[in-house]
Amino acid sequence: MDTYTISLQTLTAVVCGNEEKVIAASTPKPTVCPEKYEKIGDTCYHFALDFSRTWDEAREYCHPLGGDLAVIHDCTHFGALVRHIHMTSKLNRTFGRCPLGTDVRSTRPFCRRPICQEVPDLFSYWVGGTDRGDEGSWFWIDGLPMAMGVPFWGEVQGVPEPGGGTDQNCAQLNKADRYYIHDGQCDKHAYTICQYGVEEKQILDKYL
């Protein structure tokens, strides 16, 4: 694994709701997606719905396809990804639709996305976030810190995620919470979202 270095000049400030998030443009944006991937916004994703997998198995599945588990650095990508999960015809479902920006929990900031009706999937979806290296310090597998709190992370009975402690160290889009991010047990099974071109990087010392 190479040492991941990044300067402030490569960081891009993104306004997400009322909070400013800082992301890095470290993953190239392809113009055409390779086989098995589909373009959602400016990013190529592959949804593996054939089998449920553990978090590590999901990563192993993505690697031969030229990617890794999806990383979500801003509201634009988060909203597009969740919209696709809810509304794509590839899931062979029929969903209710509502205007962009509608959220049943209207008191919470959120990435603009329609979430009128819960999708009747069997599983949540693994994404590439973890705090395995340092409990409570959540990073994406590309080496960048995860934005915490709203509008990305969900809640359980009013208690903000992540809340699983040392037993839940892998990030998932949780089906029971309309695909907001939750921490989950890494050895449990979920669907896989691969993102093309994501490379694992070492966590920057300055973030620790």
Protein backbone atom coordinates (compact mmCIF):
# COMPACT_ATOMS: atom_id res chain seq x y z
CA MET A 1 0.00 0.00 0.00
CA ASP A 2 1.48 3.40 -0.94
CA THR A 3 1.61 6.38 1.38
CA TYR A 4 -1.28 8.69 0.72
CA THR A 5 -0.32 12.34 0.72
CA ILE A 6 -2.63 15.17 -0.14
CA SER A 7 -2.25 18.94 0.02
CA LEU A 8 -4.78 21.58 0.91
CA GLN A 9 -4.78 22.67 -2.71
CA THR A 10 -6.41 19.38 -3.72
CA LEU A 11 -9.23 19.72 -1.22
CA THR A 12 -12.59 20.99 -2.41
CA ALA A 13 -15.02 22.74 -0.06
CA VAL A 14 -18.57 21.53 -0.54
CA VAL A 15 -21.62 23.09 1.07
CA CYS A 16 -23.86 20.29 2.28
CA GLY A 17 -27.09 21.54 3.75
CA ASN A 18 -26.01 24.13 6.34
CA GLU A 19 -22.65 22.52 6.99
CA GLU A 20 -19.45 22.89 5.00
CA LYS A 21 -17.78 19.59 4.20
CA VAL A 22 -14.28 19.18 2.80
CA ILE A 23 -13.65 16.47 0.26
CA ALA A 24 -10.77 15.46 -1.97
CA ALA A 25 -10.99 15.00 -5.70
CA SER A 26 -8.79 11.91 -5.51
CA THR A 27 -10.96 9.50 -7.50
CA PRO A 28 -11.00 10.21 -11.25
CA LYS A 29 -14.41 10.76 -12.84
CA PRO A 30 -14.81 8.46 -15.85
CA THR A 31 -16.66 9.59 -18.95
CA VAL A 32 -17.77 6.05 -19.81
CA CYS A 33 -18.37 3.30 -17.26
CA PRO A 34 -16.80 -0.12 -17.77
CA GLU A 35 -18.81 -3.29 -18.10
CA LYS A 36 -21.06 -4.11 -15.11
CA TYR A 37 -21.01 -0.50 -13.95
CA GLU A 38 -23.63 2.15 -14.51
CA LYS A 39 -23.19 5.89 -14.40
CA ILE A 40 -25.09 7.76 -11.69
CA GLY A 41 -24.26 11.44 -11.82
CA ASP A 42 -20.55 11.56 -12.61
CA THR A 43 -19.65 8.30 -10.87
CA CYS A 44 -19.70 4.64 -11.94
CA TYR A 45 -21.39 2.23 -9.53
CA HIS A 46 -22.13 -1.49 -9.60
CA PHE A 47 -24.92 -2.88 -7.43
CA ALA A 48 -24.35 -6.54 -6.56
CA LEU A 49 -27.77 -7.87 -5.66
CA ASP A 50 -27.12 -11.53 -6.50
CA PHE A 51 -25.83 -12.42 -3.03
CA SER A 52 -25.51 -10.71 0.32
CA ARG A 53 -21.95 -10.49 1.60
CA THR A 54 -19.97 -9.47 4.65
CA TRP A 55 -18.14 -6.14 4.45
CA ASP A 56 -14.81 -7.81 3.68
CA GLU A 57 -16.38 -10.15 1.14
CA ALA A 58 -17.99 -7.14 -0.52
CA ARG A 59 -14.61 -5.45 -0.90
CA GLU A 60 -13.10 -8.62 -2.34
CA TYR A 61 -15.95 -8.77 -4.84
CA CYS A 62 -15.33 -5.19 -6.01
CA HIS A 63 -11.55 -5.44 -6.45
CA PRO A 64 -11.49 -7.57 -9.64
CA LEU A 65 -14.00 -5.12 -11.14
CA GLY A 66 -11.52 -2.28 -10.82
CA GLY A 67 -13.06 -0.64 -7.78
CA ASP A 68 -13.90 -0.88 -4.13
CA LEU A 69 -16.87 -0.17 -1.89
CA ALA A 70 -18.47 3.20 -2.61
CA VAL A 71 -17.21 6.31 -0.82
CA ILE A 72 -19.56 9.25 -0.28
CA HIS A 73 -17.97 12.65 0.21
CA ASP A 74 -20.79 15.07 -0.55
CA CYS A 75 -24.55 15.50 -0.74
CA THR A 76 -24.69 15.36 -4.51
CA HIS A 77 -23.33 11.82 -4.65
CA PHE A 78 -25.22 10.72 -1.56
CA GLY A 79 -28.53 11.96 -2.90
CA ALA A 80 -27.97 10.44 -6.35
CA LEU A 81 -27.03 7.08 -4.87
CA VAL A 82 -30.04 6.91 -2.56
CA ARG A 83 -32.41 8.07 -5.29
CA HIS A 84 -31.16 5.23 -7.44
CA ILE A 85 -31.68 2.67 -4.70
CA HIS A 86 -35.22 3.89 -4.12
CA MET A 87 -36.37 4.43 -7.65
CA THR A 88 -34.38 2.40 -10.17
CA SER A 89 -36.31 -0.06 -12.28
CA LYS A 90 -33.43 -2.53 -12.00
CA LEU A 91 -34.74 -3.52 -8.57
CA ASN A 92 -37.97 -4.61 -10.30
CA ARG A 93 -40.13 -2.76 -7.82
CA THR A 94 -42.70 -0.01 -8.13
CA PHE A 95 -42.07 2.85 -5.75
CA GLY A 96 -44.01 5.91 -4.67
CA ARG A 97 -42.50 9.21 -5.81
CA CYS A 98 -42.50 12.62 -4.19
CA PRO A 99 -40.95 16.01 -5.01
CA LEU A 100 -37.20 16.38 -4.65
CA GLY A 101 -36.35 17.74 -1.26
CA THR A 102 -39.20 16.03 0.60
CA ASP A 103 -38.20 14.21 3.78
CA VAL A 104 -40.62 12.68 6.25
CA ARG A 105 -38.32 13.88 9.02
CA SER A 106 -38.66 17.51 7.97
CA THR A 107 -36.86 18.87 11.04
CA ARG A 108 -33.56 17.29 10.00
CA PRO A 109 -31.15 18.71 7.40
CA PHE A 110 -30.79 16.32 4.50
CA CYS A 111 -29.37 15.86 1.03
CA ARG A 112 -32.19 16.66 -1.37
CA ARG A 113 -33.74 13.32 -2.33
CA PRO A 114 -37.19 11.76 -2.55
CA ILE A 115 -37.86 9.23 0.20
CA CYS A 116 -41.63 8.81 0.29
CA GLN A 117 -41.73 5.07 0.61
CA GLU A 118 -39.44 2.46 2.08
CA VAL A 119 -37.97 0.16 -0.55
CA PRO A 120 -38.82 -3.48 0.28
CA ASP A 121 -35.24 -4.74 -0.02
CA LEU A 122 -34.06 -7.67 2.04
CA PHE A 123 -30.74 -6.09 3.01
CA SER A 124 -28.96 -2.83 3.62
CA TYR A 125 -25.98 -1.84 1.43
CA TRP A 126 -22.32 -1.84 2.40
CA VAL A 127 -20.29 1.30 1.65
CA GLY A 128 -16.59 1.89 2.17
CA GLY A 129 -16.46 3.47 5.62
CA THR A 130 -15.00 1.99 8.79
CA ASP A 131 -13.58 2.82 12.22
CA ARG A 132 -11.68 -0.44 12.59
CA GLY A 133 -8.32 1.28 12.95
CA ASP A 134 -9.39 3.60 15.76
CA GLU A 135 -12.75 3.15 17.48
CA GLY A 136 -14.94 6.17 16.92
CA SER A 137 -12.75 7.67 14.18
CA TRP A 138 -14.58 6.98 10.92
CA PHE A 139 -12.72 7.06 7.61
CA TRP A 140 -13.49 6.14 4.04
CA ILE A 141 -11.26 3.49 2.50
CA ASP A 142 -9.73 6.14 0.23
CA GLY A 143 -8.13 7.62 3.35
CA LEU A 144 -10.40 10.61 3.91
CA PRO A 145 -12.41 11.20 7.10
CA MET A 146 -16.15 10.59 6.97
CA ALA A 147 -18.43 13.56 7.57
CA MET A 148 -20.34 12.86 10.76
CA GLY A 149 -23.88 13.72 11.80
CA VAL A 150 -26.61 15.08 9.57
CA PRO A 151 -27.30 14.95 6.71
CA PHE A 152 -25.38 11.70 6.14
CA TRP A 153 -25.85 9.62 9.28
CA GLY A 154 -29.18 8.32 10.50
CA GLU A 155 -30.62 7.67 13.92
CA VAL A 156 -32.26 4.94 15.99
CA GLN A 157 -35.16 6.05 18.18
CA GLY A 158 -33.83 9.58 18.21
CA VAL A 159 -30.25 8.57 19.06
CA PRO A 160 -27.77 9.65 16.34
CA GLU A 161 -25.63 7.10 14.56
CA PRO A 162 -23.03 5.68 14.82
CA GLY A 163 -24.07 3.96 18.02
CA GLY A 164 -22.84 0.38 17.84
CA GLY A 165 -19.57 0.79 19.70
CA THR A 166 -16.84 -1.78 19.22
CA ASP A 167 -19.28 -4.34 17.81
CA GLN A 168 -20.22 -2.30 14.73
CA ASN A 169 -17.31 -1.00 12.71
CA CYS A 170 -18.46 -0.97 9.08
CA ALA A 171 -20.67 1.59 7.35
CA GLN A 172 -23.88 0.69 5.57
CA LEU A 173 -26.81 2.43 3.95
CA ASN A 174 -29.45 1.18 6.32
CA LYS A 175 -32.72 0.01 4.78
CA ALA A 176 -34.66 0.48 8.02
CA ASP A 177 -33.67 4.18 8.15
CA ARG A 178 -34.30 5.09 4.48
CA TYR A 179 -30.66 4.47 3.59
CA TYR A 180 -29.04 6.97 5.88
CA ILE A 181 -25.60 5.76 7.00
CA HIS A 182 -25.43 3.47 10.04
CA ASP A 183 -22.63 1.46 11.58
CA GLY A 184 -23.07 -2.29 11.25
CA GLN A 185 -21.40 -5.52 12.25
CA CYS A 186 -18.79 -6.22 9.61
CA ASP A 187 -19.47 -9.97 9.59
CA LYS A 188 -23.19 -9.54 8.93
CA HIS A 189 -24.56 -9.68 5.38
CA ALA A 190 -25.70 -6.84 3.14
CA TYR A 191 -25.79 -5.95 -0.53
CA THR A 192 -22.70 -4.49 -2.20
CA ILE A 193 -22.19 -1.13 -3.90
CA CYS A 194 -18.92 -1.02 -5.82
CA GLN A 195 -17.50 2.27 -7.08
CA TYR A 196 -15.15 2.22 -10.04
CA GLY A 197 -11.67 3.66 -9.54
CA VAL A 198 -11.67 3.82 -5.73
CA GLU A 199 -8.27 2.92 -4.31
CA GLU A 200 -7.49 2.14 -0.70
CA LYS A 201 -5.19 4.74 0.86
CA GLN A 202 -3.49 5.00 4.19
CA ILE A 203 -5.17 7.31 6.67
CA LEU A 204 -3.40 10.63 6.94
CA ASP A 205 -1.64 11.10 10.26
CA LYS A 206 -2.97 14.65 10.52
CA TYR A 207 -6.51 13.30 10.77
CA LEU A 208 -5.77 11.07 13.75
